[in-house]
Amino acid sequence: MLVNNAGIGWLNALEGTPIDVAQSIFETKTIGTMRMVRAVLPQFWERGVGLIIKVT
């Protein structure tokens, strides 16, 4: 089982958010999730069972 609960909290208006902060949040929440799923999927396929829970 994979429980993905990674995240970055950010409370600010869009126009007040620096692009590097927005990019870091995107990379953590989106790319990070994709990397974790890709890391466990081969084991899930091999075993024929697996569960992924995404907490947002």
PDB file of N, CA and C in Angstrom:
ATOM      1  N   MET A   1       0.841  -1.165   0.000  1.00  0.00           N
ATOM      2  CA  MET A   1       0.000   0.000   0.000  1.00  0.00           C
ATOM      3  C   MET A   1       0.893   1.237   0.000  1.00  0.00           C
ATOM      4  N   LEU A   2       0.480   2.217  -0.749  1.00  0.00           N
ATOM      5  CA  LEU A   2       1.142   3.522  -0.765  1.00  0.00           C
ATOM      6  C   LEU A   2       0.138   4.551  -0.261  1.00  0.00           C
ATOM      7  N   VAL A   3       0.502   5.258   0.793  1.00  0.00           N
ATOM      8  CA  VAL A   3      -0.294   6.395   1.263  1.00  0.00           C
ATOM      9  C   VAL A   3       0.532   7.632   0.965  1.00  0.00           C
ATOM     10  N   ASN A   4       0.047   8.431   0.044  1.00  0.00           N
ATOM     11  CA  ASN A   4       0.769   9.633  -0.377  1.00  0.00           C
ATOM     12  C   ASN A   4       0.116  10.837   0.279  1.00  0.00           C
ATOM     13  N   ASN A   5       0.850  11.454   1.196  1.00  0.00           N
ATOM     14  CA  ASN A   5       0.328  12.599   1.928  1.00  0.00           C
ATOM     15  C   ASN A   5       1.300  13.777   1.860  1.00  0.00           C
ATOM     16  N   ALA A   6       2.146  13.795   0.848  1.00  0.00           N
ATOM     17  CA  ALA A   6       3.112  14.886   0.715  1.00  0.00           C
ATOM     18  C   ALA A   6       2.405  16.157   0.277  1.00  0.00           C
ATOM     19  N   GLY A   7       2.879  17.249   0.754  1.00  0.00           N
ATOM     20  CA  GLY A   7       2.276  18.502   0.337  1.00  0.00           C
ATOM     21  C   GLY A   7       3.027  19.691   0.884  1.00  0.00           C
ATOM     22  N   ILE A   8       2.693  20.822   0.354  1.00  0.00           N
ATOM     23  CA  ILE A   8       3.237  22.091   0.810  1.00  0.00           C
ATOM     24  C   ILE A   8       2.050  23.026   0.982  1.00  0.00           C
ATOM     25  N   GLY A   9       1.930  23.591   2.146  1.00  0.00           N
ATOM     26  CA  GLY A   9       0.860  24.554   2.364  1.00  0.00           C
ATOM     27  C   GLY A   9       1.301  25.948   1.948  1.00  0.00           C
ATOM     28  N   TRP A  10       0.410  26.680   1.313  1.00  0.00           N
ATOM     29  CA  TRP A  10       0.726  28.038   0.898  1.00  0.00           C
ATOM     30  C   TRP A  10      -0.563  28.836   0.905  1.00  0.00           C
ATOM     31  N   LEU A  11      -0.562  29.885   1.681  1.00  0.00           N
ATOM     32  CA  LEU A  11      -1.758  30.720   1.788  1.00  0.00           C
ATOM     33  C   LEU A  11      -1.404  32.118   1.304  1.00  0.00           C
ATOM     34  N   ASN A  12      -1.772  32.404   0.070  1.00  0.00           N
ATOM     35  CA  ASN A  12      -1.484  33.702  -0.520  1.00  0.00           C
ATOM     36  C   ASN A  12      -2.307  33.837  -1.791  1.00  0.00           C
ATOM     37  N   ALA A  13      -2.524  35.048  -2.193  1.00  0.00           N
ATOM     38  CA  ALA A  13      -3.231  35.296  -3.454  1.00  0.00           C
ATOM     39  C   ALA A  13      -2.333  34.922  -4.626  1.00  0.00           C
ATOM     40  N   LEU A  14      -2.933  34.565  -5.731  1.00  0.00           N
ATOM     41  CA  LEU A  14      -2.184  34.165  -6.918  1.00  0.00           C
ATOM     42  C   LEU A  14      -1.157  35.224  -7.320  1.00  0.00           C
ATOM     43  N   GLU A  15      -1.562  36.472  -7.332  1.00  0.00           N
ATOM     44  CA  GLU A  15      -0.640  37.518  -7.780  1.00  0.00           C
ATOM     45  C   GLU A  15       0.493  37.761  -6.779  1.00  0.00           C
ATOM     46  N   GLY A  16       0.351  37.269  -5.555  1.00  0.00           N
ATOM     47  CA  GLY A  16       1.399  37.432  -4.563  1.00  0.00           C
ATOM     48  C   GLY A  16       2.305  36.221  -4.411  1.00  0.00           C
ATOM     49  N   THR A  17       2.074  35.215  -5.231  1.00  0.00           N
ATOM     50  CA  THR A  17       2.857  33.983  -5.141  1.00  0.00           C
ATOM     51  C   THR A  17       4.004  34.012  -6.144  1.00  0.00           C
ATOM     52  N   PRO A  18       5.227  33.989  -5.656  1.00  0.00           N
ATOM     53  CA  PRO A  18       6.366  33.952  -6.582  1.00  0.00           C
ATOM     54  C   PRO A  18       6.338  32.668  -7.417  1.00  0.00           C
ATOM     55  N   ILE A  19       6.773  32.760  -8.648  1.00  0.00           N
ATOM     56  CA  ILE A  19       6.710  31.619  -9.558  1.00  0.00           C
ATOM     57  C   ILE A  19       7.549  30.453  -9.047  1.00  0.00           C
ATOM     58  N   ASP A  20       8.657  30.721  -8.364  1.00  0.00           N
ATOM     59  CA  ASP A  20       9.471  29.624  -7.849  1.00  0.00           C
ATOM     60  C   ASP A  20       8.746  28.859  -6.738  1.00  0.00           C
ATOM     61  N   VAL A  21       7.925  29.560  -5.954  1.00  0.00           N
ATOM     62  CA  VAL A  21       7.127  28.897  -4.925  1.00  0.00           C
ATOM     63  C   VAL A  21       6.040  28.045  -5.585  1.00  0.00           C
ATOM     64  N   ALA A  22       5.361  28.601  -6.590  1.00  0.00           N
ATOM     65  CA  ALA A  22       4.331  27.850  -7.312  1.00  0.00           C
ATOM     66  C   ALA A  22       4.930  26.612  -7.968  1.00  0.00           C
ATOM     67  N   GLN A  23       6.109  26.740  -8.526  1.00  0.00           N
ATOM     68  CA  GLN A  23       6.770  25.601  -9.171  1.00  0.00           C
ATOM     69  C   GLN A  23       7.137  24.531  -8.140  1.00  0.00           C
ATOM     70  N   SER A  24       7.601  24.937  -6.988  1.00  0.00           N
ATOM     71  CA  SER A  24       7.949  23.988  -5.927  1.00  0.00           C
ATOM     72  C   SER A  24       6.713  23.234  -5.438  1.00  0.00           C
ATOM     73  N   ILE A  25       5.611  23.945  -5.276  1.00  0.00           N
ATOM     74  CA  ILE A  25       4.354  23.302  -4.857  1.00  0.00           C
ATOM     75  C   ILE A  25       3.896  22.306  -5.912  1.00  0.00           C
ATOM     76  N   PHE A  26       3.928  22.702  -7.186  1.00  0.00           N
ATOM     77  CA  PHE A  26       3.525  21.814  -8.273  1.00  0.00           C
ATOM     78  C   PHE A  26       4.392  20.570  -8.326  1.00  0.00           C
ATOM     79  N   GLU A  27       5.697  20.763  -8.207  1.00  0.00           N
ATOM     80  CA  GLU A  27       6.616  19.626  -8.273  1.00  0.00           C
ATOM     81  C   GLU A  27       6.383  18.657  -7.117  1.00  0.00           C
ATOM     82  N   THR A  28       6.125  19.177  -5.930  1.00  0.00           N
ATOM     83  CA  THR A  28       5.882  18.306  -4.779  1.00  0.00           C
ATOM     84  C   THR A  28       4.569  17.559  -4.922  1.00  0.00           C
ATOM     85  N   LYS A  29       3.502  18.290  -5.217  1.00  0.00           N
ATOM     86  CA  LYS A  29       2.167  17.674  -5.223  1.00  0.00           C
ATOM     87  C   LYS A  29       1.884  16.844  -6.471  1.00  0.00           C
ATOM     88  N   THR A  30       2.395  17.249  -7.607  1.00  0.00           N
ATOM     89  CA  THR A  30       2.079  16.550  -8.856  1.00  0.00           C
ATOM     90  C   THR A  30       3.202  15.600  -9.269  1.00  0.00           C
ATOM     91  N   ILE A  31       4.379  16.135  -9.484  1.00  0.00           N
ATOM     92  CA  ILE A  31       5.494  15.305  -9.933  1.00  0.00           C
ATOM     93  C   ILE A  31       5.886  14.310  -8.843  1.00  0.00           C
ATOM     94  N   GLY A  32       5.885  14.751  -7.587  1.00  0.00           N
ATOM     95  CA  GLY A  32       6.196  13.847  -6.479  1.00  0.00           C
ATOM     96  C   GLY A  32       5.239  12.673  -6.404  1.00  0.00           C
ATOM     97  N   THR A  33       3.963  12.945  -6.599  1.00  0.00           N
ATOM     98  CA  THR A  33       2.953  11.883  -6.597  1.00  0.00           C
ATOM     99  C   THR A  33       3.199  10.910  -7.744  1.00  0.00           C
ATOM    100  N   MET A  34       3.486  11.437  -8.922  1.00  0.00           N
ATOM    101  CA  MET A  34       3.755  10.573 -10.071  1.00  0.00           C
ATOM    102  C   MET A  34       4.975   9.688  -9.811  1.00  0.00           C
ATOM    103  N   ARG A  35       6.015  10.250  -9.225  1.00  0.00           N
ATOM    104  CA  ARG A  35       7.223   9.469  -8.949  1.00  0.00           C
ATOM    105  C   ARG A  35       6.954   8.349  -7.944  1.00  0.00           C
ATOM    106  N   MET A  36       6.196   8.644  -6.916  1.00  0.00           N
ATOM    107  CA  MET A  36       5.902   7.623  -5.913  1.00  0.00           C
ATOM    108  C   MET A  36       5.056   6.494  -6.508  1.00  0.00           C
ATOM    109  N   VAL A  37       4.068   6.841  -7.298  1.00  0.00           N
ATOM    110  CA  VAL A  37       3.222   5.819  -7.929  1.00  0.00           C
ATOM    111  C   VAL A  37       4.061   4.952  -8.862  1.00  0.00           C
ATOM    112  N   ARG A  38       4.895   5.576  -9.661  1.00  0.00           N
ATOM    113  CA  ARG A  38       5.759   4.811 -10.568  1.00  0.00           C
ATOM    114  C   ARG A  38       6.710   3.899  -9.808  1.00  0.00           C
ATOM    115  N   ALA A  39       7.129   4.315  -8.617  1.00  0.00           N
ATOM    116  CA  ALA A  39       8.054   3.506  -7.827  1.00  0.00           C
ATOM    117  C   ALA A  39       7.393   2.235  -7.286  1.00  0.00           C
ATOM    118  N   VAL A  40       6.108   2.311  -6.942  1.00  0.00           N
ATOM    119  CA  VAL A  40       5.454   1.145  -6.334  1.00  0.00           C
ATOM    120  C   VAL A  40       4.686   0.284  -7.333  1.00  0.00           C
ATOM    121  N   LEU A  41       4.312   0.831  -8.474  1.00  0.00           N
ATOM    122  CA  LEU A  41       3.500   0.062  -9.428  1.00  0.00           C
ATOM    123  C   LEU A  41       4.126  -1.263  -9.860  1.00  0.00           C
ATOM    124  N   PRO A  42       5.414  -1.327 -10.142  1.00  0.00           N
ATOM    125  CA  PRO A  42       5.984  -2.622 -10.535  1.00  0.00           C
ATOM    126  C   PRO A  42       5.779  -3.708  -9.463  1.00  0.00           C
ATOM    127  N   GLN A  43       5.897  -3.330  -8.201  1.00  0.00           N
ATOM    128  CA  GLN A  43       5.669  -4.295  -7.124  1.00  0.00           C
ATOM    129  C   GLN A  43       4.204  -4.701  -7.046  1.00  0.00           C
ATOM    130  N   PHE A  44       3.315  -3.757  -7.256  1.00  0.00           N
ATOM    131  CA  PHE A  44       1.886  -4.070  -7.254  1.00  0.00           C
ATOM    132  C   PHE A  44       1.547  -5.037  -8.381  1.00  0.00           C
ATOM    133  N   TRP A  45       2.081  -4.777  -9.578  1.00  0.00           N
ATOM    134  CA  TRP A  45       1.820  -5.657 -10.719  1.00  0.00           C
ATOM    135  C   TRP A  45       2.386  -7.054 -10.457  1.00  0.00           C
ATOM    136  N   GLU A  46       3.571  -7.105  -9.886  1.00  0.00           N
ATOM    137  CA  GLU A  46       4.204  -8.389  -9.611  1.00  0.00           C
ATOM    138  C   GLU A  46       3.393  -9.217  -8.616  1.00  0.00           C
ATOM    139  N   ARG A  47       2.870  -8.559  -7.611  1.00  0.00           N
ATOM    140  CA  ARG A  47       2.092  -9.248  -6.582  1.00  0.00           C
ATOM    141  C   ARG A  47       0.629  -9.456  -6.985  1.00  0.00           C
ATOM    142  N   GLY A  48       0.193  -8.686  -7.947  1.00  0.00           N
ATOM    143  CA  GLY A  48      -1.210  -8.786  -8.385  1.00  0.00           C
ATOM    144  C   GLY A  48      -2.163  -8.066  -7.467  1.00  0.00           C
ATOM    145  N   VAL A  49      -1.634  -7.230  -6.590  1.00  0.00           N
ATOM    146  CA  VAL A  49      -2.491  -6.488  -5.657  1.00  0.00           C
ATOM    147  C   VAL A  49      -1.753  -5.253  -5.192  1.00  0.00           C
ATOM    148  N   GLY A  50      -2.492  -4.225  -4.866  1.00  0.00           N
ATOM    149  CA  GLY A  50      -1.904  -2.997  -4.341  1.00  0.00           C
ATOM    150  C   GLY A  50      -2.978  -1.944  -4.152  1.00  0.00           C
ATOM    151  N   LEU A  51      -2.687  -1.006  -3.300  1.00  0.00           N
ATOM    152  CA  LEU A  51      -3.644   0.051  -3.004  1.00  0.00           C
ATOM    153  C   LEU A  51      -2.881   1.360  -2.897  1.00  0.00           C
ATOM    154  N   ILE A  52      -3.397   2.399  -3.552  1.00  0.00           N
ATOM    155  CA  ILE A  52      -2.804   3.723  -3.483  1.00  0.00           C
ATOM    156  C   ILE A  52      -3.853   4.666  -2.894  1.00  0.00           C
ATOM    157  N   ILE A  53      -3.469   5.340  -1.822  1.00  0.00           N
ATOM    158  CA  ILE A  53      -4.353   6.316  -1.190  1.00  0.00           C
ATOM    159  C   ILE A  53      -3.686   7.665  -1.306  1.00  0.00           C
ATOM    160  N   LYS A  54      -4.382   8.621  -1.873  1.00  0.00           N
ATOM    161  CA  LYS A  54      -3.869   9.986  -2.040  1.00  0.00           C
ATOM    162  C   LYS A  54      -4.649  10.903  -1.124  1.00  0.00           C
ATOM    163  N   VAL A  55      -3.956  11.493  -0.169  1.00  0.00           N
ATOM    164  CA  VAL A  55      -4.567  12.434   0.758  1.00  0.00           C
ATOM    165  C   VAL A  55      -4.274  13.845   0.260  1.00  0.00           C
ATOM    166  N   THR A  56      -5.307  14.626   0.067  1.00  0.00           N
ATOM    167  CA  THR A  56      -5.103  15.995  -0.409  1.00  0.00           C
ATOM    168  C   THR A  56      -5.724  16.984   0.534  1.00  0.00           C
TER     169      THR A  56
END
